């Protein structure tokens, strides 16, 4: 039985940070959010990490991120490239960006042969999240009639910011705790212990702080990569028809499609951990302070990788 692998979506980091050497340091010794997430993953049992990156930033990434993390994990690299399309497809004139998170996961298809978890590179998920996803992947396999996947859900109230609206995937569950749909909702603002968003008629819709939302933390089997390769041409046709310059295929779109066809079940795994990220520049001090407190409490060493 193969051990689960961690897949980190990092292809967009260069554009967000203006080059990896300027990637925000959140802790001592130049540690960024990605260091804390992978440290948590290693403690949970993951031994191999695959980074999906932009090929143009490979040298910088290896120097600023890979060199540190390779002291504690086996590190592999995959490259998300605009031209990596099904045979016979061409990039439309004017298109600059790749094709979304489903496309990014597909970039690792030659490096993963068993179960794997997917995270964003610039989100802090907390140690419990990695423990529950590793445990699920280590003890579950696909059924002959249905793929068996998982997602870690977070309480909405622990993912909103004081500094503006955010986009969150609201999770709709069946009575037995299986994911039925991820509803993308933009412009969610903090509202007391929960959040709110503006309806089409201009009124405010309140969301309870305990509402489960997706922060793009998935647990898949190898079958997901095969399904993505088979289904992606259909989504690509839709993108090229509707928005050839900016359209993307996000992971929840493919997962929801698989759920609707009865091809997969997704078990919702919840965590009491608080999510942290830098959606706005003003969010950084709170993230730095939270990681400092966790380090003082002994959750992390001062120097994660000993460099």
Protein backbone atom coordinates (compact mmCIF):
# COMPACT_ATOMS: atom_id res chain seq x y z
CA UNK A 1 0.00 0.00 0.00
CA UNK A 2 1.54 3.31 -1.11
CA UNK A 3 1.98 6.12 1.39
CA UNK A 4 0.01 9.31 0.72
CA UNK A 5 1.86 12.12 -1.06
CA UNK A 6 1.36 15.85 -0.50
CA UNK A 7 0.72 17.96 -3.62
CA UNK A 8 1.27 21.70 -3.19
CA UNK A 9 -0.18 24.12 -5.76
CA UNK A 10 2.46 26.83 -6.05
CA UNK A 11 2.46 27.80 -9.73
CA UNK A 12 0.90 31.19 -9.01
CA UNK A 13 3.24 32.21 -6.23
CA UNK A 14 5.63 34.15 -8.44
CA UNK A 15 2.93 36.45 -9.77
CA UNK A 16 1.41 37.03 -6.32
CA UNK A 17 4.70 37.82 -4.61
CA UNK A 18 6.56 39.52 -7.46
CA UNK A 19 9.20 36.78 -7.50
CA UNK A 20 9.90 34.08 -4.93
CA UNK A 21 12.80 35.91 -3.30
CA UNK A 22 10.28 38.48 -2.14
CA UNK A 23 7.91 35.82 -0.73
CA UNK A 24 6.66 37.01 2.65
CA UNK A 25 8.50 35.74 5.70
CA UNK A 26 6.03 34.93 8.49
CA UNK A 27 8.44 33.49 11.06
CA UNK A 28 12.09 33.49 12.01
CA UNK A 29 14.76 32.10 9.71
CA UNK A 30 12.86 33.25 6.58
CA UNK A 31 9.98 30.80 7.09
CA UNK A 32 6.82 31.45 5.09
CA UNK A 33 3.36 29.93 5.45
CA UNK A 34 4.31 27.05 3.16
CA UNK A 35 7.06 25.97 5.59
CA UNK A 36 4.61 25.62 8.47
CA UNK A 37 2.11 23.67 6.38
CA UNK A 38 4.71 21.20 5.16
CA UNK A 39 6.15 20.86 8.65
CA UNK A 40 2.65 19.90 9.86
CA UNK A 41 2.30 17.48 6.96
CA UNK A 42 5.58 15.79 7.83
CA UNK A 43 4.51 15.32 11.45
CA UNK A 44 1.23 13.80 10.23
CA UNK A 45 3.08 11.14 8.23
CA UNK A 46 3.66 12.59 4.77
CA UNK A 47 7.18 11.90 3.54
CA UNK A 48 7.02 13.16 -0.05
CA UNK A 49 5.92 16.55 -1.34
CA UNK A 50 5.30 17.43 -4.99
CA UNK A 51 5.37 21.14 -5.81
CA UNK A 52 3.49 22.31 -8.89
CA UNK A 53 5.37 25.43 -9.97
CA UNK A 54 5.98 27.78 -12.86
CA UNK A 55 8.98 26.46 -14.84
CA UNK A 56 10.40 29.97 -15.23
CA UNK A 57 10.78 30.20 -11.44
CA UNK A 58 12.25 26.74 -10.91
CA UNK A 59 15.74 27.91 -9.94
CA UNK A 60 14.42 30.47 -7.44
CA UNK A 61 11.94 28.01 -6.00
CA UNK A 62 14.56 25.32 -5.48
CA UNK A 63 16.81 27.86 -3.78
CA UNK A 64 14.28 29.65 -1.56
CA UNK A 65 11.84 26.83 -0.72
CA UNK A 66 12.99 23.43 -1.91
CA UNK A 67 16.45 23.59 -0.36
CA UNK A 68 14.98 24.09 3.12
CA UNK A 69 12.19 21.56 2.89
CA UNK A 70 14.35 18.86 1.31
CA UNK A 71 16.05 18.54 4.72
CA UNK A 72 12.86 16.93 6.05
CA UNK A 73 10.92 15.65 3.02
CA UNK A 74 11.53 14.07 -0.37
CA UNK A 75 10.85 16.91 -2.81
CA UNK A 76 9.61 16.52 -6.38
CA UNK A 77 8.66 19.16 -8.95
CA UNK A 78 5.95 19.35 -11.58
CA UNK A 79 5.36 22.26 -13.94
CA UNK A 80 2.03 23.84 -14.84
CA UNK A 81 2.39 25.07 -18.38
CA UNK A 82 -0.13 26.88 -20.55
CA UNK A 83 0.63 24.64 -23.53
CA UNK A 84 0.04 21.36 -21.63
CA UNK A 85 -3.24 20.56 -23.36
CA UNK A 86 -4.93 17.48 -24.82
CA UNK A 87 -3.75 16.47 -28.27
CA UNK A 88 -5.22 18.65 -30.99
CA UNK A 89 -5.95 21.64 -28.70
CA UNK A 90 -4.27 25.01 -29.14
CA UNK A 91 -3.79 27.99 -26.85
CA UNK A 92 -6.07 30.84 -28.00
CA UNK A 93 -4.44 34.09 -29.05
CA UNK A 94 -3.97 36.42 -26.10
CA UNK A 95 -4.15 33.73 -23.41
CA UNK A 96 -1.43 34.23 -20.78
CA UNK A 97 -2.45 32.25 -17.69
CA UNK A 98 -2.82 28.48 -17.20
CA UNK A 99 -6.16 26.74 -16.89
CA UNK A 100 -6.91 26.62 -13.15
CA UNK A 101 -6.41 24.28 -10.22
CA UNK A 102 -7.64 21.13 -12.00
CA UNK A 103 -5.03 21.78 -14.69
CA UNK A 104 -2.40 22.34 -11.97
CA UNK A 105 -3.14 18.97 -10.35
CA UNK A 106 -2.95 17.27 -13.74
CA UNK A 107 0.60 18.58 -14.11
CA UNK A 108 1.71 16.06 -11.46
CA UNK A 109 0.20 13.04 -13.21
CA UNK A 110 3.57 11.42 -13.93
CA UNK A 111 4.80 11.82 -10.34
CA UNK A 112 1.87 10.37 -8.36
CA UNK A 113 0.69 6.77 -8.49
CA UNK A 114 -1.27 6.46 -5.23
CA UNK A 115 -3.28 8.54 -2.75
CA UNK A 116 -2.46 12.24 -2.39
CA UNK A 117 -3.59 15.39 -0.62
CA UNK A 118 -3.83 18.80 -2.31
CA UNK A 119 -3.22 22.17 -0.63
CA UNK A 120 -2.57 25.76 -1.65
CA UNK A 121 0.97 26.99 -1.09
CA UNK A 122 -0.01 30.22 0.66
CA UNK A 123 -2.58 28.98 3.20
CA UNK A 124 -1.98 27.90 6.80
CA UNK A 125 -4.24 24.94 7.58
CA UNK A 126 -3.14 23.79 11.05
CA UNK A 127 -1.74 20.45 12.27
CA UNK A 128 -5.08 18.71 12.90
CA UNK A 129 -6.09 19.08 9.26
CA UNK A 130 -3.04 17.17 8.05
CA UNK A 131 -3.56 14.43 10.64
CA UNK A 132 -7.16 13.77 9.62
CA UNK A 133 -6.47 13.81 5.87
CA UNK A 134 -3.43 11.55 6.21
CA UNK A 135 -5.40 9.09 8.33
CA UNK A 136 -8.21 9.03 5.77
CA UNK A 137 -5.89 8.47 2.81
CA UNK A 138 -3.89 5.81 4.64
CA UNK A 139 -7.00 3.72 5.38
CA UNK A 140 -9.34 4.24 2.42
CA UNK A 141 -9.19 3.10 -1.18
CA UNK A 142 -11.58 3.42 -4.12
CA UNK A 143 -14.52 1.06 -4.29
CA UNK A 144 -15.08 -0.73 -7.61
CA UNK A 145 -18.27 1.24 -8.16
CA UNK A 146 -17.29 4.62 -6.71
CA UNK A 147 -14.16 6.70 -6.08
CA UNK A 148 -13.48 7.54 -2.42
CA UNK A 149 -12.19 11.05 -1.76
CA UNK A 150 -12.19 13.52 1.15
CA UNK A 151 -12.03 17.21 1.90
CA UNK A 152 -11.09 19.12 5.06
CA UNK A 153 -13.73 21.72 5.81
CA UNK A 154 -13.28 24.82 7.95
CA UNK A 155 -15.75 26.87 9.95
CA UNK A 156 -16.48 30.02 7.98
CA UNK A 157 -15.97 32.20 11.05
CA UNK A 158 -12.35 31.05 11.21
CA UNK A 159 -11.60 31.98 7.59
CA UNK A 160 -12.91 35.54 7.15
CA UNK A 161 -10.88 38.71 7.55
CA UNK A 162 -11.49 42.14 9.04
CA UNK A 163 -10.05 43.81 5.95
CA UNK A 164 -12.48 43.04 3.13
CA UNK A 165 -14.53 40.46 1.29
CA UNK A 166 -13.34 36.94 0.47
CA UNK A 167 -14.47 34.13 -1.81
CA UNK A 168 -15.33 30.85 -0.11
CA UNK A 169 -16.70 27.51 -1.26
CA UNK A 170 -19.78 26.82 0.87
CA UNK A 171 -20.12 23.07 1.41
CA UNK A 172 -23.50 21.36 1.20
CA UNK A 173 -23.57 17.97 2.90
CA UNK A 174 -25.84 14.94 2.99
CA UNK A 175 -27.15 13.65 6.31
CA UNK A 176 -24.34 11.09 6.48
CA UNK A 177 -21.59 13.69 6.10
CA UNK A 178 -20.86 13.32 2.39
CA UNK A 179 -20.21 16.35 0.21
CA UNK A 180 -23.02 17.08 -2.23
CA UNK A 181 -21.90 20.40 -3.70
CA UNK A 182 -19.40 23.25 -3.27
CA UNK A 183 -21.10 26.60 -3.89
CA UNK A 184 -18.61 29.34 -4.70
CA UNK A 185 -19.64 32.61 -3.06
CA UNK A 186 -17.69 35.84 -3.57
CA UNK A 187 -17.70 38.98 -1.45
CA UNK A 188 -18.20 37.36 1.97
CA UNK A 189 -17.52 39.90 4.71
CA UNK A 190 -16.98 39.32 8.41
CA UNK A 191 -20.24 39.70 10.33
CA UNK A 192 -19.91 39.06 14.06
CA UNK A 193 -18.85 35.44 14.55
CA UNK A 194 -19.86 34.59 10.97
CA UNK A 195 -20.10 36.30 7.62
CA UNK A 196 -22.47 37.94 5.19
CA UNK A 197 -22.77 38.56 1.46
CA UNK A 198 -24.95 40.78 -0.69
CA UNK A 199 -27.84 39.07 -2.49
CA UNK A 200 -28.90 40.10 -6.00
CA UNK A 201 -31.64 42.33 -4.57
CA UNK A 202 -29.10 44.21 -2.46
CA UNK A 203 -30.09 42.66 0.86
CA UNK A 204 -27.55 41.02 3.15
CA UNK A 205 -27.51 37.26 3.67
CA UNK A 206 -25.98 36.14 6.97
CA UNK A 207 -23.89 32.97 7.17
CA UNK A 208 -23.42 31.21 10.49
CA UNK A 209 -19.82 31.04 11.70
CA UNK A 210 -20.09 27.22 11.88
CA UNK A 211 -20.89 26.95 8.16
CA UNK A 212 -18.37 24.57 6.59
CA UNK A 213 -16.36 25.99 3.72
CA UNK A 214 -13.68 24.62 1.42
CA UNK A 215 -10.17 26.05 1.57
CA UNK A 216 -8.93 23.79 -1.24
CA UNK A 217 -7.66 20.99 1.02
CA UNK A 218 -8.55 17.73 -0.76
CA UNK A 219 -7.72 14.06 -0.40
CA UNK A 220 -7.74 12.05 -3.66
CA UNK A 221 -6.76 8.67 -5.04
CA UNK A 222 -4.78 8.18 -8.26
CA UNK A 223 -8.16 7.74 -9.96
CA UNK A 224 -8.75 11.49 -9.69
CA UNK A 225 -5.82 12.21 -12.00
CA UNK A 226 -7.10 9.69 -14.54
CA UNK A 227 -10.61 11.17 -14.33
CA UNK A 228 -9.25 14.70 -14.69
CA UNK A 229 -7.30 13.73 -17.81
CA UNK A 230 -10.38 12.12 -19.32
CA UNK A 231 -12.80 14.93 -18.45
CA UNK A 232 -10.60 17.99 -18.94
CA UNK A 233 -11.18 18.27 -22.72
CA UNK A 234 -14.90 18.78 -22.05
CA UNK A 235 -14.22 21.56 -19.58
CA UNK A 236 -11.65 23.06 -21.94
CA UNK A 237 -14.27 23.23 -24.71
CA UNK A 238 -16.54 25.11 -22.32
CA UNK A 239 -13.75 27.53 -21.34
CA UNK A 240 -12.80 28.21 -24.94
CA UNK A 241 -16.45 28.89 -25.77
CA UNK A 242 -17.29 31.09 -22.76
CA UNK A 243 -14.05 32.87 -21.75
CA UNK A 244 -10.99 31.78 -23.73
CA UNK A 245 -8.67 34.40 -22.20
CA UNK A 246 -9.44 34.07 -18.48
CA UNK A 247 -11.64 31.00 -17.97
CA UNK A 248 -10.38 28.29 -15.61
CA UNK A 249 -11.40 24.84 -14.38
CA UNK A 250 -11.26 24.78 -10.60
CA UNK A 251 -11.12 21.58 -8.54
CA UNK A 252 -14.65 22.01 -7.10
CA UNK A 253 -16.05 22.14 -10.65
CA UNK A 254 -14.64 18.73 -11.57
CA UNK A 255 -15.48 17.23 -8.16
CA UNK A 256 -19.08 18.46 -8.34
CA UNK A 257 -19.37 17.01 -11.84
CA UNK A 258 -18.14 13.63 -10.59
CA UNK A 259 -20.58 13.75 -7.66
CA UNK A 260 -23.52 14.54 -9.94
CA UNK A 261 -22.70 11.49 -12.09
CA UNK A 262 -22.28 9.18 -9.10
CA UNK A 263 -18.61 8.61 -9.93
CA UNK A 264 -17.29 9.66 -6.52
CA UNK A 265 -18.06 10.17 -2.86
CA UNK A 266 -16.30 12.90 -0.88
CA UNK A 267 -16.16 12.50 2.90
CA UNK A 268 -16.15 15.79 4.79
CA UNK A 269 -13.42 15.94 7.44
CA UNK A 270 -13.74 18.89 9.79
CA UNK A 271 -11.10 20.59 11.92
CA UNK A 272 -11.24 22.99 14.82
CA UNK A 273 -8.03 24.67 13.62
CA UNK A 274 -8.15 28.26 12.42
CA UNK A 275 -7.14 28.95 8.85
CA UNK A 276 -4.70 31.79 8.19
CA UNK A 277 -3.80 33.51 4.97
CA UNK A 278 -2.83 36.87 3.56
CA UNK A 279 -5.80 37.79 1.41
CA UNK A 280 -5.04 41.45 2.04
CA UNK A 281 -1.74 43.12 2.92
CA UNK A 282 -3.26 44.16 6.25
CA UNK A 283 -3.72 40.48 7.20
CA UNK A 284 0.01 39.82 7.55
CA UNK A 285 0.55 41.14 11.12
CA UNK A 286 -2.17 38.84 12.49
CA UNK A 287 -0.61 35.82 10.76
CA UNK A 288 2.87 36.67 12.03
CA UNK A 289 1.54 37.10 15.57
CA UNK A 290 -0.42 33.82 15.46
CA UNK A 291 2.63 31.85 14.33
CA UNK A 292 4.78 33.56 16.96
CA UNK A 293 2.30 32.54 19.67
CA UNK A 294 2.16 28.96 18.41
CA UNK A 295 5.95 28.82 18.46
CA UNK A 296 6.08 30.17 22.02
CA UNK A 297 3.50 27.55 23.05
CA UNK A 298 5.79 24.83 21.70
CA UNK A 299 3.71 23.83 18.67
CA UNK A 300 6.66 24.69 16.38
CA UNK A 301 10.41 25.00 16.88
CA UNK A 302 11.98 28.37 16.21
CA UNK A 303 13.86 26.89 13.25
CA UNK A 304 11.59 24.45 11.41
CA UNK A 305 14.22 22.87 9.17
CA UNK A 306 17.43 23.51 11.06
CA UNK A 307 18.86 25.95 8.49
